[in-house]
Protein backbone atom coordinates (compact mmCIF):
# COMPACT_ATOMS: atom_id res chain seq x y z
CA UNK A 1 323.99 28.52 47.17
CA UNK A 2 323.65 32.27 46.80
CA UNK A 3 325.55 34.63 49.13
CA UNK A 4 323.08 36.27 51.49
CA UNK A 5 322.96 40.03 51.81
CA UNK A 6 324.46 41.65 54.79
CA UNK A 7 321.13 43.00 55.95
CA UNK A 8 319.63 39.39 55.80
CA UNK A 9 322.57 38.03 57.74
CA UNK A 10 322.16 40.74 60.43
CA UNK A 11 318.44 39.92 60.72
CA UNK A 12 319.36 36.19 61.20
CA UNK A 13 322.00 37.08 63.79
CA UNK A 14 319.37 39.07 65.83
CA UNK A 15 316.82 36.23 65.54
CA UNK A 16 319.50 33.71 66.65
CA UNK A 17 321.02 35.83 69.40
CA UNK A 18 318.21 36.74 71.78
CA UNK A 19 318.93 40.08 73.56
CA UNK A 20 317.12 38.92 76.79
CA UNK A 21 319.70 36.23 77.23
CA UNK A 22 322.35 38.90 77.74
CA UNK A 23 320.46 41.12 80.25
CA UNK A 24 320.33 40.96 84.08
CA UNK A 25 317.23 39.20 85.40
CA UNK A 26 316.09 42.51 87.04
CA UNK A 27 315.86 44.23 83.63
CA UNK A 28 314.22 41.47 81.51
CA UNK A 29 311.00 43.47 81.51
CA UNK A 30 312.87 45.92 79.25
CA UNK A 31 314.08 43.27 76.79
CA UNK A 32 311.60 43.98 74.03
CA UNK A 33 311.96 47.85 74.13
CA UNK A 34 314.03 49.46 71.44
CA UNK A 35 316.08 51.32 74.08
CA UNK A 36 319.28 50.90 75.95
CA UNK A 37 318.95 49.10 79.23
CA UNK A 38 321.20 48.95 82.38
CA UNK A 39 323.48 45.98 82.89
CA UNK A 40 325.15 47.40 86.11
CA UNK A 41 328.26 49.37 86.79
CA UNK A 42 326.94 52.44 85.03
CA UNK A 43 326.83 50.55 81.67
CA UNK A 44 324.17 49.62 79.28
CA UNK A 45 323.14 47.05 76.69
CA UNK A 46 322.70 49.17 73.63
CA UNK A 47 319.40 49.88 71.73
CA UNK A 48 318.75 47.21 69.17
CA UNK A 49 318.22 49.71 66.27
CA UNK A 50 321.61 51.35 67.07
CA UNK A 51 323.40 47.97 67.15
CA UNK A 52 321.85 46.99 63.80
CA UNK A 53 322.93 50.31 62.22
CA UNK A 54 326.46 49.81 63.62
CA UNK A 55 326.69 46.17 62.33
CA UNK A 56 325.54 47.32 58.85
CA UNK A 57 328.27 49.98 58.72
CA UNK A 58 330.80 47.55 60.13
CA UNK A 59 329.95 44.80 57.51
CA UNK A 60 331.54 41.83 59.27
CA UNK A 61 331.90 38.86 57.05
CA UNK A 62 332.65 35.10 57.53
CA UNK A 63 336.18 34.51 58.45
CA UNK A 64 336.85 38.06 59.84
CA UNK A 65 338.93 38.78 62.98
CA UNK A 66 336.88 41.34 65.00
CA UNK A 67 337.83 43.48 67.96
CA UNK A 68 334.74 44.24 70.17
CA UNK A 69 335.69 47.15 72.41
CA UNK A 70 333.34 47.56 75.47
CA UNK A 71 331.83 44.10 75.15
CA UNK A 72 329.71 44.53 78.29
CA UNK A 73 326.98 41.91 78.54
CA UNK A 74 328.40 39.95 75.53
CA UNK A 75 325.47 40.62 73.28
CA UNK A 76 327.50 42.44 70.64
CA UNK A 77 330.20 39.82 70.80
CA UNK A 78 327.62 37.06 70.32
CA UNK A 79 326.10 38.85 67.30
CA UNK A 80 329.67 39.27 65.86
CA UNK A 81 330.40 35.59 66.59
CA UNK A 82 327.34 34.58 64.49
CA UNK A 83 328.24 36.99 61.62
CA UNK A 84 331.93 35.92 61.33
CA UNK A 85 331.12 32.16 61.61
CA UNK A 86 333.20 29.32 62.86
CA UNK A 87 336.17 30.42 60.71
CA UNK A 88 336.14 33.92 62.16
CA UNK A 89 337.35 35.15 65.65
CA UNK A 90 335.97 37.75 68.02
CA UNK A 91 338.24 39.45 70.66
CA UNK A 92 335.95 40.88 73.33
CA UNK A 93 337.57 43.68 75.31
CA UNK A 94 335.94 44.91 78.56
CA UNK A 95 337.45 47.22 81.16
CA UNK A 96 335.15 46.24 84.03
CA UNK A 97 336.06 42.83 85.25
CA UNK A 98 332.54 41.90 86.62
CA UNK A 99 331.09 42.70 83.20
CA UNK A 100 333.79 40.85 81.47
CA UNK A 101 332.78 37.72 83.49
CA UNK A 102 328.98 38.40 82.84
CA UNK A 103 329.62 38.72 79.16
CA UNK A 104 331.84 35.62 79.06
CA UNK A 105 329.26 33.54 81.02
CA UNK A 106 326.39 34.69 78.69
CA UNK A 107 328.42 33.78 75.51
CA UNK A 108 329.41 30.47 76.89
CA UNK A 109 325.80 29.52 77.84
CA UNK A 110 324.82 30.65 74.35
CA UNK A 111 327.30 28.35 72.73
CA UNK A 112 329.68 31.04 71.22
CA UNK A 113 332.99 29.06 70.73
CA UNK A 114 334.94 31.64 68.54
CA UNK A 115 335.15 34.46 71.19
CA UNK A 116 337.99 35.19 73.52
CA UNK A 117 337.28 37.56 76.43
CA UNK A 118 339.89 39.99 77.94
CA UNK A 119 339.99 42.57 80.68
CA UNK A 120 341.47 45.59 78.97
CA UNK A 121 342.96 48.55 80.69
CA UNK A 122 343.44 50.63 77.56
CA UNK A 123 342.77 50.65 73.81
CA UNK A 124 346.18 49.03 72.98
CA UNK A 125 345.67 46.03 75.43
CA UNK A 126 344.99 43.71 72.60
CA UNK A 127 347.47 45.07 70.07
CA UNK A 128 349.48 41.81 70.20
CA UNK A 129 346.46 40.19 68.45
CA UNK A 130 346.23 42.96 65.79
CA UNK A 131 345.65 43.60 62.92
CA UNK A 132 341.88 43.24 62.91
CA UNK A 133 339.58 43.18 59.90
CA UNK A 134 336.83 44.93 61.90
CA UNK A 135 336.64 46.98 65.14
CA UNK A 136 333.47 47.82 66.86
CA UNK A 137 333.34 50.27 69.70
CA UNK A 138 330.31 50.42 72.03
CA UNK A 139 331.12 53.51 74.00
CA UNK A 140 331.76 57.09 72.96
CA UNK A 141 335.23 58.67 72.76
CA UNK A 142 334.91 62.29 74.04
CA UNK A 143 336.85 64.30 71.52
CA UNK A 144 338.38 62.40 68.61
CA UNK A 145 338.68 59.02 66.91
CA UNK A 146 341.16 57.01 68.93
CA UNK A 147 344.32 56.56 66.71
CA UNK A 148 345.28 53.52 68.74
CA UNK A 149 342.31 51.62 67.18
CA UNK A 150 342.95 52.99 63.59
CA UNK A 151 346.47 51.59 63.82
CA UNK A 152 345.11 48.12 64.65
CA UNK A 153 343.09 47.81 61.49
CA UNK A 154 344.18 45.68 58.53
CA UNK A 155 344.24 47.20 55.04
CA UNK A 156 340.62 47.20 53.87
CA UNK A 157 339.64 47.13 57.47
CA UNK A 158 336.70 49.05 59.01
CA UNK A 159 336.25 50.81 62.35
CA UNK A 160 332.86 51.87 63.73
CA UNK A 161 333.24 54.08 66.79
CA UNK A 162 331.04 56.62 68.58
CA UNK A 163 332.59 60.03 69.26
CA UNK A 164 330.46 62.46 71.34
CA UNK A 165 326.93 62.13 69.85
CA UNK A 166 327.95 60.76 66.46
CA UNK A 167 329.03 57.36 65.15
CA UNK A 168 331.95 57.41 62.80
CA UNK A 169 332.55 54.81 60.12
CA UNK A 170 336.07 54.58 58.83
CA UNK A 171 337.71 52.30 56.17
CA UNK A 172 341.30 51.78 55.14
CA UNK A 173 342.30 51.21 51.53
CA UNK A 174 344.43 48.33 50.27
CA UNK A 175 347.59 50.27 51.04
CA UNK A 176 346.47 50.76 54.62
CA UNK A 177 345.70 54.49 54.29
CA UNK A 178 342.44 55.97 55.50
CA UNK A 179 340.02 55.70 52.52
CA UNK A 180 337.01 57.35 54.00
CA UNK A 181 335.46 58.55 57.24
CA UNK A 182 331.70 59.04 57.38
CA UNK A 183 329.75 60.60 60.33
CA UNK A 184 326.41 59.43 61.45
CA UNK A 185 325.08 62.04 64.01
CA UNK A 186 322.30 61.72 66.59
CA UNK A 187 323.41 58.95 68.98
CA UNK A 188 324.11 58.67 72.67
CA UNK A 189 326.45 56.29 74.38
CA UNK A 190 328.07 55.79 77.76
CA UNK A 191 331.64 57.34 77.78
CA UNK A 192 334.67 55.33 76.52
CA UNK A 193 337.18 55.26 79.34
CA UNK A 194 340.80 54.68 78.32
């Protein structure tokens, strides 16, 4: 069997992981819009196009261990769960306890068995589970790339993180040194609080 391309796998993940199943009932009329939508507590479920871009830059693969920072409704965690497969693991990190429960319930109802959910007070909360092959952040740091997350990446690991109005894509080389950092400008996220 031929290995499918990343873009094909991401399309399949989106088809399998229906966004509306991760939205509050009061917001379901917005489910088909390519726009962020409120999920309560001043947070949002991200715009599908933005999530697709971030997953393409992150390039999660089967068997990867992924840290999902700001897991919110659980949609990004469920997409990652699909992409890393049963041999992979997703560590969903959410600061707001009500949203942690909401995301956990959504993913359980959706049958995601390779995700663990955590209430996280700061970016080092899950460092005992590090290193991670991939780290996805769904809220914007306000001034710089958080070094706490860079330190939790494996060699050859990738981090995708918004800072201000850009999304940064970072990769480590085989020796664990920062190999490249690419900026994708023109995005808006809720603030990352840590």
